[in-house]
C-alpha atoms as a PDB file:
ATOM      1  CA  MET A   1     -16.787  12.420   0.966  1.00  0.00           C
ATOM      2  CA  GLU A   2     -19.001   9.552  -0.155  1.00  0.00           C
ATOM      3  CA  MET A   3     -17.982   6.083   0.971  1.00  0.00           C
ATOM      4  CA  VAL A   4     -17.353   3.680  -1.904  1.00  0.00           C
ATOM      5  CA  SER A   5     -16.929  -0.080  -2.033  1.00  0.00           C
ATOM      6  CA  MET A   6     -13.505  -1.538  -2.737  1.00  0.00           C
ATOM      7  CA  GLU A   7     -15.162  -4.016  -5.070  1.00  0.00           C
ATOM      8  CA  LYS A   8     -16.611  -1.229  -7.218  1.00  0.00           C
ATOM      9  CA  GLU A   9     -13.388   0.789  -7.180  1.00  0.00           C
ATOM     10  CA  LEU A  10     -11.220  -2.127  -8.277  1.00  0.00           C
ATOM     11  CA  LYS A  11     -13.567  -3.692 -10.803  1.00  0.00           C
ATOM     12  CA  SER A  12     -13.970  -0.346 -12.577  1.00  0.00           C
ATOM     13  CA  ASN A  13     -10.190   0.165 -12.951  1.00  0.00           C
ATOM     14  CA  SER A  14      -8.108  -2.337 -14.921  1.00  0.00           C
ATOM     15  CA  TYR A  15      -4.817  -0.848 -13.727  1.00  0.00           C
ATOM     16  CA  PRO A  16      -4.671   1.143 -10.468  1.00  0.00           C
ATOM     17  CA  GLY A  17      -1.058  -0.107 -10.191  1.00  0.00           C
ATOM     18  CA  ARG A  18      -0.102  -0.600  -6.555  1.00  0.00           C
ATOM     19  CA  GLY A  19      -2.535   0.258  -3.782  1.00  0.00           C
ATOM     20  CA  ILE A  20      -2.691   0.714  -0.009  1.00  0.00           C
ATOM     21  CA  VAL A  21      -5.820   0.484   2.136  1.00  0.00           C
ATOM     22  CA  ILE A  22      -5.837   1.400   5.844  1.00  0.00           C
ATOM     23  CA  GLY A  23      -8.845   1.533   8.149  1.00  0.00           C
ATOM     24  CA  LYS A  24     -10.791  -0.057  11.008  1.00  0.00           C
ATOM     25  CA  THR A  25     -13.238  -2.947  11.262  1.00  0.00           C
ATOM     26  CA  PRO A  26     -16.975  -2.243  11.764  1.00  0.00           C
ATOM     27  CA  ASP A  27     -16.810  -3.355  15.411  1.00  0.00           C
ATOM     28  CA  GLY A  28     -13.997  -0.846  16.020  1.00  0.00           C
ATOM     29  CA  LYS A  29     -11.700  -3.485  17.491  1.00  0.00           C
ATOM     30  CA  LYS A  30      -9.159  -4.060  14.734  1.00  0.00           C
ATOM     31  CA  ALA A  31      -6.862  -1.923  12.622  1.00  0.00           C
ATOM     32  CA  VAL A  32      -6.775  -3.033   9.000  1.00  0.00           C
ATOM     33  CA  THR A  33      -4.278  -2.638   6.193  1.00  0.00           C
ATOM     34  CA  ALA A  34      -3.967  -4.130   2.734  1.00  0.00           C
ATOM     35  CA  TYR A  35      -1.401  -3.744  -0.026  1.00  0.00           C
ATOM     36  CA  PHE A  36      -1.571  -5.080  -3.568  1.00  0.00           C
ATOM     37  CA  ILE A  37       0.729  -5.024  -6.583  1.00  0.00           C
ATOM     38  CA  MET A  38      -0.085  -5.334 -10.262  1.00  0.00           C
ATOM     39  CA  GLY A  39       2.055  -5.611 -13.380  1.00  0.00           C
ATOM     40  CA  ARG A  40       1.916  -5.181 -17.141  1.00  0.00           C
ATOM     41  CA  SER A  41       5.430  -6.379 -18.022  1.00  0.00           C
ATOM     42  CA  GLU A  42       6.841  -9.876 -17.588  1.00  0.00           C
ATOM     43  CA  ASN A  43       9.374  -8.489 -15.101  1.00  0.00           C
ATOM     44  CA  SER A  44       6.662  -6.890 -12.945  1.00  0.00           C
ATOM     45  CA  ARG A  45       4.439  -9.957 -13.068  1.00  0.00           C
ATOM     46  CA  ASN A  46       7.285 -12.283 -12.081  1.00  0.00           C
ATOM     47  CA  ARG A  47       6.850 -11.647  -8.348  1.00  0.00           C
ATOM     48  CA  VAL A  48       5.389 -13.064  -5.153  1.00  0.00           C
ATOM     49  CA  PHE A  49       4.963 -11.795  -1.607  1.00  0.00           C
ATOM     50  CA  VAL A  50       6.752 -13.827   1.065  1.00  0.00           C
ATOM     51  CA  ALA A  51       6.742 -13.443   4.843  1.00  0.00           C
ATOM     52  CA  ASP A  52       9.834 -11.774   6.279  1.00  0.00           C
ATOM     53  CA  GLY A  53       9.765 -11.731  10.075  1.00  0.00           C
ATOM     54  CA  ASN A  54       6.683  -9.718  11.031  1.00  0.00           C
ATOM     55  CA  GLY A  55       6.663  -8.001   7.624  1.00  0.00           C
ATOM     56  CA  ILE A  56       6.809  -9.132   4.002  1.00  0.00           C
ATOM     57  CA  ARG A  57       9.090  -8.727   0.993  1.00  0.00           C
ATOM     58  CA  THR A  58       8.761  -9.232  -2.735  1.00  0.00           C
ATOM     59  CA  GLN A  59      10.724 -11.947  -4.433  1.00  0.00           C
ATOM     60  CA  ALA A  60      11.114 -13.163  -8.008  1.00  0.00           C
ATOM     61  CA  PHE A  61       8.864 -16.139  -8.701  1.00  0.00           C
ATOM     62  CA  ASP A  62      11.263 -17.355 -11.413  1.00  0.00           C
ATOM     63  CA  PRO A  63      14.731 -15.908 -10.709  1.00  0.00           C
ATOM     64  CA  SER A  64      15.891 -16.775 -14.237  1.00  0.00           C
ATOM     65  CA  LYS A  65      13.381 -14.294 -15.682  1.00  0.00           C
ATOM     66  CA  LEU A  66      14.289 -11.386 -13.383  1.00  0.00           C
ATOM     67  CA  THR A  67      15.737  -8.608 -15.564  1.00  0.00           C
ATOM     68  CA  ASP A  68      15.714  -5.501 -13.338  1.00  0.00           C
ATOM     69  CA  PRO A  69      15.209  -5.816  -9.574  1.00  0.00           C
ATOM     70  CA  SER A  70      15.666  -2.095  -8.818  1.00  0.00           C
ATOM     71  CA  LEU A  71      12.017  -1.042  -8.460  1.00  0.00           C
ATOM     72  CA  ILE A  72      10.262  -4.370  -7.959  1.00  0.00           C
ATOM     73  CA  ILE A  73      12.214  -6.144  -5.194  1.00  0.00           C
ATOM     74  CA  TYR A  74      11.714  -4.503  -1.788  1.00  0.00           C
ATOM     75  CA  ALA A  75      10.066  -4.910   1.621  1.00  0.00           C
ATOM     76  CA  PRO A  76       6.514  -3.485   1.367  1.00  0.00           C
ATOM     77  CA  VAL A  77       5.745  -4.068   5.060  1.00  0.00           C
ATOM     78  CA  ARG A  78       7.947  -3.640   8.132  1.00  0.00           C
ATOM     79  CA  VAL A  79       7.077  -3.277  11.820  1.00  0.00           C
ATOM     80  CA  LEU A  80       8.846  -0.884  14.172  1.00  0.00           C
ATOM     81  CA  GLY A  81       7.572  -1.393  17.711  1.00  0.00           C
ATOM     82  CA  ASN A  82       3.925  -0.347  17.707  1.00  0.00           C
ATOM     83  CA  LYS A  83       4.104   1.042  14.150  1.00  0.00           C
ATOM     84  CA  THR A  84       3.346  -0.871  10.960  1.00  0.00           C
ATOM     85  CA  ILE A  85       4.821   0.637   7.787  1.00  0.00           C
ATOM     86  CA  VAL A  86       3.322  -0.179   4.370  1.00  0.00           C
ATOM     87  CA  THR A  87       4.702   1.232   1.099  1.00  0.00           C
ATOM     88  CA  ASN A  88       5.103   0.537  -2.595  1.00  0.00           C
ATOM     89  CA  GLY A  89       8.906   0.651  -2.637  1.00  0.00           C
ATOM     90  CA  ASP A  90      12.169   0.690  -0.742  1.00  0.00           C
ATOM     91  CA  GLN A  91      11.038   3.836   1.086  1.00  0.00           C
ATOM     92  CA  THR A  92       9.731   1.331   3.639  1.00  0.00           C
ATOM     93  CA  ASP A  93      13.328   1.135   4.833  1.00  0.00           C
ATOM     94  CA  THR A  94      13.708   4.935   4.705  1.00  0.00           C
ATOM     95  CA  ILE A  95      10.668   5.386   6.967  1.00  0.00           C
ATOM     96  CA  TYR A  96      11.759   2.593   9.313  1.00  0.00           C
ATOM     97  CA  GLU A  97      15.260   4.017   9.711  1.00  0.00           C
ATOM     98  CA  GLY A  98      14.031   7.613  10.037  1.00  0.00           C
ATOM     99  CA  MET A  99      11.418   6.846  12.671  1.00  0.00           C
ATOM    100  CA  ASP A 100      13.935   4.700  14.519  1.00  0.00           C
ATOM    101  CA  ARG A 101      15.963   7.931  14.814  1.00  0.00           C
ATOM    102  CA  GLN A 102      12.895   9.773  16.177  1.00  0.00           C
ATOM    103  CA  LEU A 103      11.985  11.498  12.909  1.00  0.00           C
ATOM    104  CA  THR A 104       8.296  11.740  12.016  1.00  0.00           C
ATOM    105  CA  PHE A 105       6.707   9.804   9.163  1.00  0.00           C
ATOM    106  CA  GLU A 106       6.686  12.942   7.010  1.00  0.00           C
ATOM    107  CA  GLN A 107      10.237  13.958   7.925  1.00  0.00           C
ATOM    108  CA  SER A 108      11.515  10.480   7.090  1.00  0.00           C
ATOM    109  CA  LEU A 109      10.157  10.789   3.547  1.00  0.00           C
ATOM    110  CA  ARG A 110      11.786  14.171   2.874  1.00  0.00           C
ATOM    111  CA  SER A 111      14.826  12.433   1.417  1.00  0.00           C
ATOM    112  CA  ARG A 112      12.712  10.578  -1.163  1.00  0.00           C
ATOM    113  CA  GLU A 113      10.588  11.456  -4.178  1.00  0.00           C
ATOM    114  CA  PHE A 114       8.707   9.645  -6.963  1.00  0.00           C
ATOM    115  CA  GLU A 115      10.282   6.688  -8.757  1.00  0.00           C
ATOM    116  CA  PRO A 116      12.794   7.421 -11.572  1.00  0.00           C
ATOM    117  CA  ASP A 117      10.830   5.467 -14.169  1.00  0.00           C
ATOM    118  CA  GLY A 118       9.921   8.159 -16.713  1.00  0.00           C
ATOM    119  CA  PRO A 119       7.637   8.905 -18.396  1.00  0.00           C
ATOM    120  CA  ALA A 120       5.307   7.485 -15.694  1.00  0.00           C
ATOM    121  CA  TYR A 121       7.384   8.734 -12.718  1.00  0.00           C
ATOM    122  CA  THR A 122       5.398   6.380 -10.528  1.00  0.00           C
ATOM    123  CA  PRO A 123       4.306   7.993  -7.243  1.00  0.00           C
ATOM    124  CA  ARG A 124       5.684   6.630  -4.002  1.00  0.00           C
ATOM    125  CA  ILE A 125       2.739   5.820  -1.765  1.00  0.00           C
ATOM    126  CA  SER A 126       3.275   5.056   1.919  1.00  0.00           C
ATOM    127  CA  GLY A 127       1.194   4.367   4.989  1.00  0.00           C
ATOM    128  CA  ILE A 128       1.774   3.988   8.707  1.00  0.00           C
ATOM    129  CA  LEU A 129      -0.448   2.509  11.425  1.00  0.00           C
ATOM    130  CA  HIS A 130       0.261   3.506  15.023  1.00  0.00           C
ATOM    131  CA  ILE A 131      -1.334   1.481  17.823  1.00  0.00           C
ATOM    132  CA  GLU A 132      -0.569   2.351  21.439  1.00  0.00           C
ATOM    133  CA  ASN A 133      -2.419   1.786  24.735  1.00  0.00           C
ATOM    134  CA  GLY A 134      -5.638   0.871  22.962  1.00  0.00           C
ATOM    135  CA  SER A 135      -5.601   3.905  20.669  1.00  0.00           C
ATOM    136  CA  TYR A 136      -5.094   3.865  16.914  1.00  0.00           C
ATOM    137  CA  ASN A 137      -4.311   6.401  14.225  1.00  0.00           C
ATOM    138  CA  TYR A 138      -2.834   6.226  10.765  1.00  0.00           C
ATOM    139  CA  ALA A 139      -1.442   8.339   7.948  1.00  0.00           C
ATOM    140  CA  LEU A 140      -0.953   8.060   4.192  1.00  0.00           C
ATOM    141  CA  SER A 141       1.564   9.824   1.964  1.00  0.00           C
ATOM    142  CA  ILE A 142       2.050  10.276  -1.762  1.00  0.00           C
ATOM    143  CA  LEU A 143       5.128  11.737  -3.450  1.00  0.00           C
ATOM    144  CA  LYS A 144       4.590  12.447  -7.134  1.00  0.00           C
ATOM    145  CA  SER A 145       5.971  14.450 -10.029  1.00  0.00           C
ATOM    146  CA  SER A 146       4.551  17.866 -10.816  1.00  0.00           C
ATOM    147  CA  ASN A 147       1.957  16.883 -13.432  1.00  0.00           C
ATOM    148  CA  GLY A 148       4.452  14.554 -15.090  1.00  0.00           C
ATOM    149  CA  ASP A 149       7.350  17.014 -14.891  1.00  0.00           C
ATOM    150  CA  PRO A 150      10.205  15.394 -12.922  1.00  0.00           C
ATOM    151  CA  SER A 151      11.815  18.743 -12.100  1.00  0.00           C
ATOM    152  CA  GLY A 152       9.279  19.179  -9.271  1.00  0.00           C
ATOM    153  CA  CYS A 153       8.046  16.868  -6.513  1.00  0.00           C
ATOM    154  CA  CYS A 154       4.629  17.253  -4.887  1.00  0.00           C
ATOM    155  CA  ARG A 155       4.364  15.902  -1.338  1.00  0.00           C
ATOM    156  CA  TYR A 156       1.030  15.153   0.328  1.00  0.00           C
ATOM    157  CA  THR A 157       0.424  13.617   3.760  1.00  0.00           C
ATOM    158  CA  TYR A 158      -3.031  12.699   5.079  1.00  0.00           C
ATOM    159  CA  ALA A 159      -3.346  11.948   8.801  1.00  0.00           C
ATOM    160  CA  TYR A 160      -6.379  10.216  10.328  1.00  0.00           C
ATOM    161  CA  GLU A 161      -6.822  10.472  14.093  1.00  0.00           C
ATOM    162  CA  LYS A 162      -9.443   8.367  15.858  1.00  0.00           C
ATOM    163  CA  PRO A 163     -10.550   6.698  12.612  1.00  0.00           C
ATOM    164  CA  LEU A 164     -14.188   5.692  12.422  1.00  0.00           C
ATOM    165  CA  ALA A 165     -15.260   2.055  12.606  1.00  0.00           C
ATOM    166  CA  GLY A 166     -16.108   0.333   9.343  1.00  0.00           C
ATOM    167  CA  GLU A 167     -14.257   2.696   7.058  1.00  0.00           C
ATOM    168  CA  GLY A 168     -10.810   3.317   5.691  1.00  0.00           C
ATOM    169  CA  ARG A 169      -8.852   5.164   3.046  1.00  0.00           C
ATOM    170  CA  PHE A 170      -7.534   3.868  -0.265  1.00  0.00           C
ATOM    171  CA  ILE A 171      -4.661   5.336  -2.272  1.00  0.00           C
ATOM    172  CA  HIS A 172      -3.066   3.908  -5.417  1.00  0.00           C
ATOM    173  CA  THR A 173      -0.314   4.836  -7.837  1.00  0.00           C
ATOM    174  CA  TYR A 174      -2.209   5.351 -11.109  1.00  0.00           C
ATOM    175  CA  LEU A 175      -5.588   6.878 -11.912  1.00  0.00           C
ATOM    176  CA  HIS A 176      -6.109   4.186 -14.557  1.00  0.00           C
ATOM    177  CA  ASP A 177      -4.326   2.388 -17.378  1.00  0.00           C
ATOM    178  CA  GLY A 178      -2.681   4.574 -20.004  1.00  0.00           C
ATOM    179  CA  ASN A 179       0.518   5.437 -21.829  1.00  0.00           C
ATOM    180  CA  PRO A 180       2.097   7.118 -20.012  1.00  0.00           C
ATOM    181  CA  LEU A 181       0.342   6.012 -16.844  1.00  0.00           C
ATOM    182  CA  PRO A 182      -1.402   8.980 -15.145  1.00  0.00           C
ATOM    183  CA  SER A 183      -0.601   9.486 -11.446  1.00  0.00           C
ATOM    184  CA  PHE A 184      -3.249   9.226  -8.715  1.00  0.00           C
ATOM    185  CA  GLU A 185      -4.990  12.529  -8.014  1.00  0.00           C
ATOM    186  CA  GLY A 186      -6.831  13.942  -5.021  1.00  0.00           C
ATOM    187  CA  GLU A 187      -7.453  12.819  -1.453  1.00  0.00           C
ATOM    188  CA  PRO A 188      -7.352   9.102  -0.599  1.00  0.00           C
ATOM    189  CA  LYS A 189     -10.742   7.545  -1.246  1.00  0.00           C
ATOM    190  CA  ARG A 190     -13.085   6.761   1.643  1.00  0.00           C
ATOM    191  CA  VAL A 191     -13.881   3.050   1.445  1.00  0.00           C
ATOM    192  CA  GLU A 192     -15.806   0.387   3.313  1.00  0.00           C
ATOM    193  CA  ILE A 193     -13.856  -2.050   5.513  1.00  0.00           C
ATOM    194  CA  LEU A 194     -15.273  -5.514   6.200  1.00  0.00           C
ATOM    195  CA  GLN A 195     -15.273  -7.283   9.562  1.00  0.00           C
ATOM    196  CA  ASP A 196     -13.782 -10.625   8.495  1.00  0.00           C
ATOM    197  CA  ILE A 197     -10.228 -10.770   7.153  1.00  0.00           C
ATOM    198  CA  ASP A 198     -10.855 -13.645   4.746  1.00  0.00           C
ATOM    199  CA  THR A 199     -13.990 -12.047   3.327  1.00  0.00           C
ATOM    200  CA  PHE A 200     -12.136  -8.762   2.805  1.00  0.00           C
ATOM    201  CA  ALA A 201      -9.039 -10.424   1.313  1.00  0.00           C
ATOM    202  CA  ASN A 202     -11.137 -12.474  -1.099  1.00  0.00           C
ATOM    203  CA  LEU A 203     -13.176  -9.438  -2.132  1.00  0.00           C
ATOM    204  CA  LEU A 204     -10.016  -7.466  -2.904  1.00  0.00           C
ATOM    205  CA  TRP A 205      -8.346 -10.298  -4.796  1.00  0.00           C
ATOM    206  CA  GLU A 206     -11.382 -11.211  -6.868  1.00  0.00           C
ATOM    207  CA  SER A 207     -12.006  -7.550  -7.731  1.00  0.00           C
ATOM    208  CA  LEU A 208      -8.496  -6.910  -9.096  1.00  0.00           C
ATOM    209  CA  ASN A 209      -8.055  -7.258 -12.856  1.00  0.00           C
ATOM    210  CA  GLU A 210      -7.327 -10.910 -13.620  1.00  0.00           C
ATOM    211  CA  ASP A 211      -4.608 -10.208 -16.187  1.00  0.00           C
ATOM    212  CA  ASN A 212      -2.733  -7.569 -14.200  1.00  0.00           C
ATOM    213  CA  LYS A 213      -2.973  -8.622 -10.536  1.00  0.00           C
ATOM    214  CA  VAL A 214       0.152 -10.115  -8.982  1.00  0.00           C
ATOM    215  CA  SER A 215       0.024 -10.260  -5.149  1.00  0.00           C
ATOM    216  CA  LEU A 216      -2.046  -9.163  -2.163  1.00  0.00           C
ATOM    217  CA  PHE A 217      -1.263  -8.695   1.542  1.00  0.00           C
ATOM    218  CA  VAL A 218      -3.934  -8.128   4.201  1.00  0.00           C
ATOM    219  CA  ARG A 219      -3.413  -7.695   7.957  1.00  0.00           C
ATOM    220  CA  TYR A 220      -5.871  -7.190  10.830  1.00  0.00           C
ATOM    221  CA  ILE A 221      -4.402  -6.028  14.161  1.00  0.00           C
ATOM    222  CA  ASP A 222      -6.287  -6.162  17.464  1.00  0.00           C
ATOM    223  CA  ILE A 223      -6.096  -2.608  18.831  1.00  0.00           C
ATOM    224  CA  GLN A 224      -6.130  -3.755  22.473  1.00  0.00           C
ATOM    225  CA  SER A 225      -3.855  -6.806  22.393  1.00  0.00           C
ATOM    226  CA  GLY A 226      -1.773  -6.209  19.274  1.00  0.00           C
ATOM    227  CA  ALA A 227      -2.533  -9.726  18.029  1.00  0.00           C
ATOM    228  CA  GLU A 228      -2.228  -9.986  14.246  1.00  0.00           C
ATOM    229  CA  GLU A 229      -3.869 -11.979  11.489  1.00  0.00           C
ATOM    230  CA  THR A 230      -2.254 -11.904   8.054  1.00  0.00           C
ATOM    231  CA  ARG A 231      -3.215 -13.208   4.623  1.00  0.00           C
ATOM    232  CA  ILE A 232      -0.962 -13.354   1.549  1.00  0.00           C
ATOM    233  CA  ILE A 233      -2.326 -14.269  -1.894  1.00  0.00           C
ATOM    234  CA  ASN A 234      -0.039 -14.706  -4.917  1.00  0.00           C
ATOM    235  CA  LYS A 235      -1.084 -15.296  -8.513  1.00  0.00           C
ATOM    236  CA  ASN A 236       2.176 -17.156  -9.131  1.00  0.00           C
ATOM    237  CA  ARG A 237       2.174 -20.424  -7.202  1.00  0.00           C
END
């Protein structure tokens, strides 16, 4: 699979929806993850990311304008021991609780499927980073309707052991803008990861469509020490 730049991927797509990136820095020393949200409606755009312990949650920027919190207010990032969970919905909690009961990442998601927001039936995308004793691996999952038919759920999990330095994988909810919005297709894209967290965060933020971008989270984790660096960027300030 050809490696592509995140800048090119994002600038060529006005509405990838919500996206997760996971990978490793070029020097091989840090695990990397990023999560962004976009919105077309006033309700979706009325959000910010805020820190919540060692994770984050979404929150209404203007509570008076919040009309339906069901699919937009959740904790995208939670940490369970040496595992960092990143998702586009409240399945973050499902994964956290399942893995806390010794279920696997995939088993934890068996009780969930795509979002009930027809006709889009937005896919649930999820990622997990596992760092232990100086080793690092990660996995990505997507749960989506069967070609737009909500009577079936397609479940795909992609696991990456001993990930290579300087690269990562990128998965997002929608192929592109449309009505209805078409779900992501295929294997997560192989993308370039940058060494510096601020350079990478700025590249992602500046490459997202100006009208539709809402919030961005980026975290770099030292694979040996577990030390974290986090950046949060919100359009609403």
